[in-house]
């Protein structure tokens, strides 16, 4: 289970004295625990992947803001956090694989226009969660449905 893997990595970071890595892993555990407490459930691997995916998205947004403000030191820190977070996410899909998944989802759902975008995204999200930037996927779906 993914939660156990994260806990094991936290123990390894403690023993190895990797303070920065330990800090990121503690953030992951806090986010998972917070969601479990809020929803009063034990998160499964898919739900933990959603939490990790959200954390990566937040950090990408922060990097953009820090770079716009000329704070490269903070942007680098966020980038390091993304690399640690991505260790627990499945391997990212290539552009071609994503395009193929988009085309397949459009065909499967019978989508013909922008009104059908929700159906297409509904099919894609479980397949691509944690393996692709859903914002970029959304753009691809819009482009495919518009053209």
N, C-alpha and C. Protein backbone atom coordinates (compact mmCIF):
# COMPACT_ATOMS: atom_id res chain seq x y z
N UNK A 1 0.83 -1.18 0.00
CA UNK A 1 0.00 0.00 0.00
C UNK A 1 0.88 1.25 0.00
N UNK A 2 0.42 2.26 -0.66
CA UNK A 2 1.19 3.49 -0.84
C UNK A 2 1.47 4.19 0.49
N UNK A 3 0.51 4.16 1.39
CA UNK A 3 0.70 4.82 2.68
C UNK A 3 1.86 4.19 3.44
N UNK A 4 1.96 2.88 3.40
CA UNK A 4 3.05 2.17 4.07
C UNK A 4 4.39 2.53 3.43
N UNK A 5 4.41 2.62 2.11
CA UNK A 5 5.64 2.99 1.40
C UNK A 5 6.09 4.39 1.84
N UNK A 6 5.15 5.31 1.97
CA UNK A 6 5.49 6.68 2.39
C UNK A 6 6.03 6.67 3.82
N UNK A 7 5.40 5.88 4.69
CA UNK A 7 5.87 5.78 6.07
C UNK A 7 7.27 5.18 6.14
N UNK A 8 7.52 4.17 5.31
CA UNK A 8 8.86 3.55 5.28
C UNK A 8 9.91 4.55 4.80
N UNK A 9 9.56 5.35 3.80
CA UNK A 9 10.49 6.37 3.31
C UNK A 9 10.75 7.43 4.37
N UNK A 10 9.73 7.73 5.18
CA UNK A 10 9.90 8.71 6.25
C UNK A 10 10.91 8.17 7.28
N UNK A 11 10.78 6.90 7.62
CA UNK A 11 11.72 6.29 8.57
C UNK A 11 13.14 6.30 8.01
N UNK A 12 13.27 5.98 6.72
CA UNK A 12 14.59 5.96 6.08
C UNK A 12 15.20 7.36 6.06
N UNK A 13 14.37 8.38 5.81
CA UNK A 13 14.87 9.76 5.79
C UNK A 13 15.31 10.19 7.19
N UNK A 14 14.58 9.73 8.22
CA UNK A 14 14.96 10.04 9.60
C UNK A 14 16.32 9.43 9.93
N UNK A 15 16.46 8.14 9.59
CA UNK A 15 17.71 7.44 9.88
C UNK A 15 18.88 8.00 9.09
N UNK A 16 18.60 8.41 7.85
CA UNK A 16 19.65 8.92 6.98
C UNK A 16 19.99 10.38 7.23
N UNK A 17 19.19 11.05 8.02
CA UNK A 17 19.46 12.46 8.32
C UNK A 17 19.15 13.40 7.17
N UNK A 18 18.28 12.98 6.28
CA UNK A 18 17.89 13.82 5.13
C UNK A 18 16.76 14.75 5.56
N UNK A 19 17.15 15.89 6.13
CA UNK A 19 16.16 16.80 6.72
C UNK A 19 15.18 17.37 5.70
N UNK A 20 15.66 17.80 4.55
CA UNK A 20 14.78 18.38 3.54
C UNK A 20 13.77 17.34 3.05
N UNK A 21 14.28 16.15 2.74
CA UNK A 21 13.41 15.07 2.26
C UNK A 21 12.39 14.69 3.34
N UNK A 22 12.85 14.61 4.57
CA UNK A 22 11.97 14.27 5.69
C UNK A 22 10.84 15.30 5.81
N UNK A 23 11.18 16.57 5.63
CA UNK A 23 10.17 17.62 5.71
C UNK A 23 9.08 17.45 4.67
N UNK A 24 9.46 17.10 3.44
CA UNK A 24 8.49 16.91 2.37
C UNK A 24 7.61 15.70 2.67
N UNK A 25 8.23 14.62 3.12
CA UNK A 25 7.46 13.41 3.42
C UNK A 25 6.49 13.66 4.58
N UNK A 26 6.92 14.44 5.55
CA UNK A 26 6.01 14.80 6.65
C UNK A 26 4.83 15.62 6.14
N UNK A 27 5.07 16.49 5.16
CA UNK A 27 3.98 17.25 4.55
C UNK A 27 2.98 16.30 3.87
N UNK A 28 3.49 15.30 3.20
CA UNK A 28 2.63 14.30 2.54
C UNK A 28 1.77 13.61 3.59
N UNK A 29 2.42 13.12 4.65
CA UNK A 29 1.69 12.40 5.69
C UNK A 29 0.64 13.30 6.35
N UNK A 30 0.98 14.57 6.56
CA UNK A 30 0.03 15.51 7.17
C UNK A 30 -1.17 15.72 6.25
N UNK A 31 -0.94 15.85 4.95
CA UNK A 31 -2.04 16.05 4.00
C UNK A 31 -2.94 14.82 3.95
N UNK A 32 -2.34 13.63 3.97
CA UNK A 32 -3.12 12.39 3.95
C UNK A 32 -3.93 12.28 5.24
N UNK A 33 -3.28 12.50 6.37
CA UNK A 33 -3.95 12.40 7.67
C UNK A 33 -5.09 13.42 7.77
N UNK A 34 -4.85 14.65 7.28
CA UNK A 34 -5.87 15.69 7.32
C UNK A 34 -7.12 15.26 6.55
N UNK A 35 -6.91 14.70 5.38
CA UNK A 35 -8.06 14.26 4.58
C UNK A 35 -8.77 13.09 5.25
N UNK A 36 -8.00 12.19 5.87
CA UNK A 36 -8.62 11.06 6.58
C UNK A 36 -9.47 11.56 7.74
N UNK A 37 -8.97 12.53 8.48
CA UNK A 37 -9.70 13.07 9.62
C UNK A 37 -10.95 13.82 9.14
N UNK A 38 -10.77 14.65 8.10
CA UNK A 38 -11.90 15.43 7.59
C UNK A 38 -13.04 14.54 7.09
N UNK A 39 -12.68 13.47 6.38
CA UNK A 39 -13.69 12.61 5.77
C UNK A 39 -14.01 11.38 6.62
N UNK A 40 -13.27 11.21 7.70
CA UNK A 40 -13.46 10.06 8.61
C UNK A 40 -13.40 8.72 7.88
N UNK A 41 -12.37 8.60 7.04
CA UNK A 41 -12.15 7.36 6.29
C UNK A 41 -10.66 7.05 6.28
N UNK A 42 -10.34 5.83 5.89
CA UNK A 42 -8.95 5.44 5.64
C UNK A 42 -8.75 5.56 4.13
N UNK A 43 -7.80 6.39 3.69
CA UNK A 43 -7.60 6.60 2.26
C UNK A 43 -6.99 5.38 1.59
N UNK A 44 -7.51 5.06 0.40
CA UNK A 44 -6.89 3.98 -0.38
C UNK A 44 -5.82 4.59 -1.30
N UNK A 45 -5.15 3.77 -2.07
CA UNK A 45 -4.04 4.24 -2.90
C UNK A 45 -4.49 5.31 -3.91
N UNK A 46 -5.66 5.12 -4.52
CA UNK A 46 -6.14 6.10 -5.51
C UNK A 46 -6.39 7.45 -4.86
N UNK A 47 -6.93 7.45 -3.66
CA UNK A 47 -7.20 8.71 -2.95
C UNK A 47 -5.89 9.38 -2.52
N UNK A 48 -4.90 8.58 -2.13
CA UNK A 48 -3.60 9.13 -1.77
C UNK A 48 -2.93 9.72 -3.01
N UNK A 49 -3.07 9.05 -4.17
CA UNK A 49 -2.53 9.59 -5.42
C UNK A 49 -3.17 10.94 -5.74
N UNK A 50 -4.46 11.07 -5.47
CA UNK A 50 -5.15 12.35 -5.71
C UNK A 50 -4.57 13.44 -4.82
N UNK A 51 -4.28 13.10 -3.56
CA UNK A 51 -3.67 14.06 -2.63
C UNK A 51 -2.30 14.48 -3.15
N UNK A 52 -1.49 13.51 -3.57
CA UNK A 52 -0.15 13.80 -4.09
C UNK A 52 -0.22 14.65 -5.35
N UNK A 53 -1.16 14.32 -6.22
CA UNK A 53 -1.34 15.07 -7.46
C UNK A 53 -1.69 16.52 -7.16
N UNK A 54 -2.55 16.72 -6.19
CA UNK A 54 -2.95 18.08 -5.80
C UNK A 54 -1.75 18.84 -5.23
N UNK A 55 -0.94 18.16 -4.44
CA UNK A 55 0.25 18.80 -3.86
C UNK A 55 1.22 19.23 -4.96
N UNK A 56 1.40 18.39 -5.98
CA UNK A 56 2.30 18.73 -7.08
C UNK A 56 1.75 19.95 -7.83
N UNK A 57 0.44 19.95 -8.07
CA UNK A 57 -0.18 21.08 -8.77
C UNK A 57 0.01 22.38 -7.99
N UNK A 58 -0.16 22.32 -6.67
CA UNK A 58 0.02 23.50 -5.84
C UNK A 58 1.45 24.03 -5.95
N UNK A 59 2.40 23.12 -5.96
CA UNK A 59 3.79 23.54 -6.04
C UNK A 59 4.14 24.12 -7.41
N UNK A 60 3.56 23.57 -8.47
CA UNK A 60 3.78 24.15 -9.80
C UNK A 60 3.26 25.58 -9.85
N UNK A 61 2.08 25.80 -9.27
CA UNK A 61 1.52 27.15 -9.21
C UNK A 61 2.44 28.08 -8.42
N UNK A 62 2.96 27.58 -7.30
CA UNK A 62 3.85 28.38 -6.47
C UNK A 62 5.13 28.73 -7.22
N UNK A 63 5.67 27.78 -7.97
CA UNK A 63 6.90 28.02 -8.73
C UNK A 63 6.68 29.17 -9.71
N UNK A 64 5.55 29.14 -10.41
CA UNK A 64 5.24 30.20 -11.36
C UNK A 64 5.19 31.56 -10.66
N UNK A 65 4.53 31.61 -9.51
CA UNK A 65 4.42 32.87 -8.76
C UNK A 65 5.78 33.33 -8.25
N UNK A 66 6.58 32.42 -7.72
CA UNK A 66 7.90 32.78 -7.21
C UNK A 66 8.81 33.29 -8.32
N UNK A 67 8.76 32.63 -9.48
CA UNK A 67 9.59 33.07 -10.59
C UNK A 67 9.16 34.44 -11.10
N UNK A 68 7.85 34.69 -11.12
CA UNK A 68 7.35 36.02 -11.53
C UNK A 68 7.82 37.09 -10.55
N UNK A 69 7.95 36.72 -9.28
CA UNK A 69 8.37 37.67 -8.25
C UNK A 69 9.89 37.75 -8.11
N UNK A 70 10.61 36.94 -8.92
CA UNK A 70 12.07 36.97 -8.87
C UNK A 70 12.65 36.25 -7.66
N UNK A 71 11.93 35.30 -7.11
CA UNK A 71 12.41 34.55 -5.94
C UNK A 71 12.80 33.14 -6.36
N UNK A 72 13.91 33.02 -7.08
CA UNK A 72 14.36 31.72 -7.58
C UNK A 72 14.69 30.76 -6.45
N UNK A 73 15.16 31.27 -5.31
CA UNK A 73 15.48 30.40 -4.19
C UNK A 73 14.25 29.63 -3.72
N UNK A 74 13.11 30.32 -3.63
CA UNK A 74 11.88 29.66 -3.20
C UNK A 74 11.34 28.74 -4.30
N UNK A 75 11.51 29.14 -5.56
CA UNK A 75 11.08 28.30 -6.67
C UNK A 75 11.87 26.99 -6.68
N UNK A 76 13.18 27.07 -6.39
CA UNK A 76 14.02 25.86 -6.34
C UNK A 76 13.58 24.93 -5.22
N UNK A 77 13.19 25.50 -4.08
CA UNK A 77 12.71 24.69 -2.96
C UNK A 77 11.43 23.94 -3.34
N UNK A 78 10.52 24.64 -4.02
CA UNK A 78 9.27 24.02 -4.48
C UNK A 78 9.57 22.91 -5.50
N UNK A 79 10.54 23.16 -6.38
CA UNK A 79 10.90 22.16 -7.38
C UNK A 79 11.45 20.90 -6.71
N UNK A 80 12.24 21.09 -5.66
CA UNK A 80 12.76 19.93 -4.92
C UNK A 80 11.60 19.13 -4.33
N UNK A 81 10.61 19.85 -3.77
CA UNK A 81 9.45 19.17 -3.19
C UNK A 81 8.71 18.37 -4.26
N UNK A 82 8.61 18.92 -5.46
CA UNK A 82 7.94 18.19 -6.55
C UNK A 82 8.68 16.89 -6.86
N UNK A 83 10.02 16.94 -6.88
CA UNK A 83 10.78 15.72 -7.20
C UNK A 83 10.54 14.64 -6.15
N UNK A 84 10.44 15.03 -4.87
CA UNK A 84 10.16 14.05 -3.82
C UNK A 84 8.73 13.52 -3.97
N UNK A 85 7.78 14.39 -4.22
CA UNK A 85 6.38 13.97 -4.38
C UNK A 85 6.24 13.00 -5.55
N UNK A 86 6.95 13.26 -6.64
CA UNK A 86 6.82 12.43 -7.83
C UNK A 86 7.37 11.02 -7.63
N UNK A 87 8.21 10.83 -6.61
CA UNK A 87 8.71 9.49 -6.32
C UNK A 87 7.56 8.55 -5.94
N UNK A 88 6.49 9.10 -5.40
CA UNK A 88 5.37 8.27 -4.94
C UNK A 88 4.25 8.19 -5.96
N UNK A 89 4.37 8.96 -7.05
CA UNK A 89 3.37 8.93 -8.11
C UNK A 89 3.79 7.91 -9.16
N UNK A 90 2.83 7.35 -9.91
CA UNK A 90 3.20 6.44 -10.99
C UNK A 90 4.02 7.19 -12.05
N UNK A 91 4.71 6.44 -12.88
CA UNK A 91 5.53 7.05 -13.93
C UNK A 91 4.66 7.92 -14.84
N UNK A 92 5.16 9.10 -15.15
CA UNK A 92 4.40 10.03 -16.00
C UNK A 92 4.24 9.47 -17.41
N UNK A 93 3.11 9.78 -18.01
CA UNK A 93 2.83 9.33 -19.37
C UNK A 93 3.48 10.30 -20.36
N UNK A 94 3.84 9.76 -21.51
CA UNK A 94 4.41 10.62 -22.57
C UNK A 94 3.28 11.39 -23.24
N UNK A 95 3.66 12.41 -23.98
CA UNK A 95 2.68 13.24 -24.72
C UNK A 95 1.86 12.37 -25.67
N UNK A 96 2.54 11.45 -26.36
CA UNK A 96 1.85 10.58 -27.32
C UNK A 96 0.85 9.67 -26.62
N UNK A 97 1.23 9.13 -25.46
CA UNK A 97 0.32 8.27 -24.71
C UNK A 97 -0.91 9.03 -24.24
N UNK A 98 -0.70 10.27 -23.83
CA UNK A 98 -1.83 11.09 -23.38
C UNK A 98 -2.76 11.40 -24.55
N UNK A 99 -2.18 11.77 -25.69
CA UNK A 99 -3.00 12.05 -26.87
C UNK A 99 -3.81 10.83 -27.28
N UNK A 100 -3.20 9.66 -27.19
CA UNK A 100 -3.89 8.41 -27.53
C UNK A 100 -5.04 8.17 -26.54
N UNK A 101 -4.80 8.40 -25.26
CA UNK A 101 -5.84 8.21 -24.25
C UNK A 101 -6.99 9.19 -24.46
N UNK A 102 -6.66 10.43 -24.83
CA UNK A 102 -7.69 11.44 -25.10
C UNK A 102 -8.55 11.00 -26.29
N UNK A 103 -7.89 10.58 -27.37
CA UNK A 103 -8.63 10.13 -28.56
C UNK A 103 -9.53 8.94 -28.24
N UNK A 104 -9.01 8.01 -27.45
CA UNK A 104 -9.79 6.83 -27.07
C UNK A 104 -10.99 7.21 -26.21
N UNK A 105 -10.78 8.13 -25.25
CA UNK A 105 -11.88 8.55 -24.37
C UNK A 105 -12.95 9.29 -25.16
N UNK A 106 -12.55 10.09 -26.15
CA UNK A 106 -13.52 10.80 -26.98
C UNK A 106 -14.34 9.78 -27.79
N UNK A 107 -13.66 8.79 -28.34
CA UNK A 107 -14.34 7.76 -29.13
C UNK A 107 -15.28 6.94 -28.24
N UNK A 108 -14.81 6.53 -27.06
CA UNK A 108 -15.62 5.71 -26.16
C UNK A 108 -16.87 6.43 -25.66
N UNK A 109 -16.73 7.73 -25.42
CA UNK A 109 -17.87 8.48 -24.86
C UNK A 109 -18.78 9.03 -25.95
N UNK A 110 -18.36 8.95 -27.19
CA UNK A 110 -19.16 9.47 -28.28
C UNK A 110 -19.24 10.99 -28.26
N UNK A 111 -18.24 11.64 -27.69
CA UNK A 111 -18.24 13.10 -27.57
C UNK A 111 -18.12 13.73 -28.94
N UNK A 112 -18.94 14.79 -29.16
CA UNK A 112 -18.93 15.46 -30.45
C UNK A 112 -18.67 16.96 -30.33
N UNK A 113 -18.89 17.51 -29.15
CA UNK A 113 -18.72 18.95 -29.00
C UNK A 113 -18.22 19.28 -27.59
N UNK A 114 -18.02 20.58 -27.34
CA UNK A 114 -17.53 21.03 -26.04
C UNK A 114 -18.49 20.67 -24.90
N UNK A 115 -19.78 20.50 -25.20
CA UNK A 115 -20.74 20.12 -24.16
C UNK A 115 -20.44 18.74 -23.59
N UNK A 116 -19.71 17.93 -24.34
CA UNK A 116 -19.38 16.57 -23.91
C UNK A 116 -18.05 16.49 -23.18
N UNK A 117 -17.42 17.62 -22.91
CA UNK A 117 -16.10 17.62 -22.28
C UNK A 117 -16.12 16.93 -20.92
N UNK A 118 -17.16 17.14 -20.14
CA UNK A 118 -17.27 16.52 -18.82
C UNK A 118 -17.24 15.00 -18.90
N UNK A 119 -17.92 14.44 -19.90
CA UNK A 119 -17.93 12.99 -20.09
C UNK A 119 -16.53 12.47 -20.37
N UNK A 120 -15.84 13.18 -21.26
CA UNK A 120 -14.49 12.77 -21.65
C UNK A 120 -13.53 12.85 -20.46
N UNK A 121 -13.58 13.98 -19.74
CA UNK A 121 -12.70 14.15 -18.58
C UNK A 121 -13.03 13.12 -17.50
N UNK A 122 -14.30 12.78 -17.36
CA UNK A 122 -14.71 11.75 -16.40
C UNK A 122 -14.07 10.41 -16.69
N UNK A 123 -13.91 10.09 -17.97
CA UNK A 123 -13.26 8.83 -18.37
C UNK A 123 -11.74 8.91 -18.17
N UNK A 124 -11.18 10.09 -18.45
CA UNK A 124 -9.72 10.24 -18.42
C UNK A 124 -9.15 10.35 -17.01
N UNK A 125 -9.86 11.02 -16.12
CA UNK A 125 -9.31 11.32 -14.79
C UNK A 125 -8.84 10.06 -14.05
N UNK A 126 -9.66 9.01 -13.96
CA UNK A 126 -9.17 7.82 -13.23
C UNK A 126 -7.95 7.17 -13.89
N UNK A 127 -7.87 7.24 -15.22
CA UNK A 127 -6.75 6.63 -15.94
C UNK A 127 -5.46 7.42 -15.79
N UNK A 128 -5.58 8.75 -15.77
CA UNK A 128 -4.40 9.61 -15.84
C UNK A 128 -4.01 10.25 -14.52
N UNK A 129 -4.82 10.08 -13.47
CA UNK A 129 -4.55 10.72 -12.18
C UNK A 129 -3.16 10.38 -11.70
N UNK A 130 -2.36 11.42 -11.48
CA UNK A 130 -1.01 11.23 -10.99
C UNK A 130 0.01 10.91 -12.06
N UNK A 131 -0.46 10.64 -13.28
CA UNK A 131 0.46 10.28 -14.36
C UNK A 131 0.56 11.38 -15.41
N UNK A 132 -0.32 12.40 -15.30
CA UNK A 132 -0.29 13.49 -16.27
C UNK A 132 -0.85 14.75 -15.60
N UNK A 133 -0.44 15.90 -16.10
CA UNK A 133 -0.96 17.17 -15.63
C UNK A 133 -2.37 17.31 -16.19
N UNK A 134 -3.37 17.25 -15.31
CA UNK A 134 -4.76 17.25 -15.76
C UNK A 134 -5.13 18.57 -16.44
N UNK A 135 -4.45 19.65 -16.11
CA UNK A 135 -4.69 20.92 -16.80
C UNK A 135 -4.30 20.83 -18.26
N UNK A 136 -3.16 20.20 -18.52
CA UNK A 136 -2.70 20.02 -19.90
C UNK A 136 -3.63 19.05 -20.64
N UNK A 137 -4.09 18.01 -19.94
CA UNK A 137 -5.01 17.05 -20.55
C UNK A 137 -6.31 17.75 -20.94
N UNK A 138 -6.79 18.61 -20.05
CA UNK A 138 -8.01 19.38 -20.32
C UNK A 138 -7.84 20.22 -21.59
N UNK A 139 -6.69 20.84 -21.73
CA UNK A 139 -6.40 21.62 -22.93
C UNK A 139 -6.43 20.77 -24.18
N UNK A 140 -5.86 19.55 -24.10
CA UNK A 140 -5.87 18.65 -25.25
C UNK A 140 -7.29 18.25 -25.63
N UNK A 141 -8.12 17.98 -24.61
CA UNK A 141 -9.50 17.58 -24.87
C UNK A 141 -10.25 18.74 -25.53
N UNK A 142 -10.06 19.96 -25.02
CA UNK A 142 -10.71 21.14 -25.62
C UNK A 142 -10.31 21.28 -27.08
N UNK A 143 -9.02 21.15 -27.33
CA UNK A 143 -8.50 21.29 -28.69
C UNK A 143 -9.11 20.22 -29.61
N UNK A 144 -9.17 18.97 -29.12
CA UNK A 144 -9.70 17.87 -29.93
C UNK A 144 -11.19 18.05 -30.20
N UNK A 145 -11.94 18.52 -29.20
CA UNK A 145 -13.38 18.69 -29.38
C UNK A 145 -13.72 19.92 -30.21
N UNK A 146 -12.87 20.93 -30.15
CA UNK A 146 -13.13 22.16 -30.90
C UNK A 146 -12.77 21.99 -32.39
N UNK A 147 -11.73 21.19 -32.64
CA UNK A 147 -11.23 21.07 -34.01
C UNK A 147 -11.67 19.81 -34.63
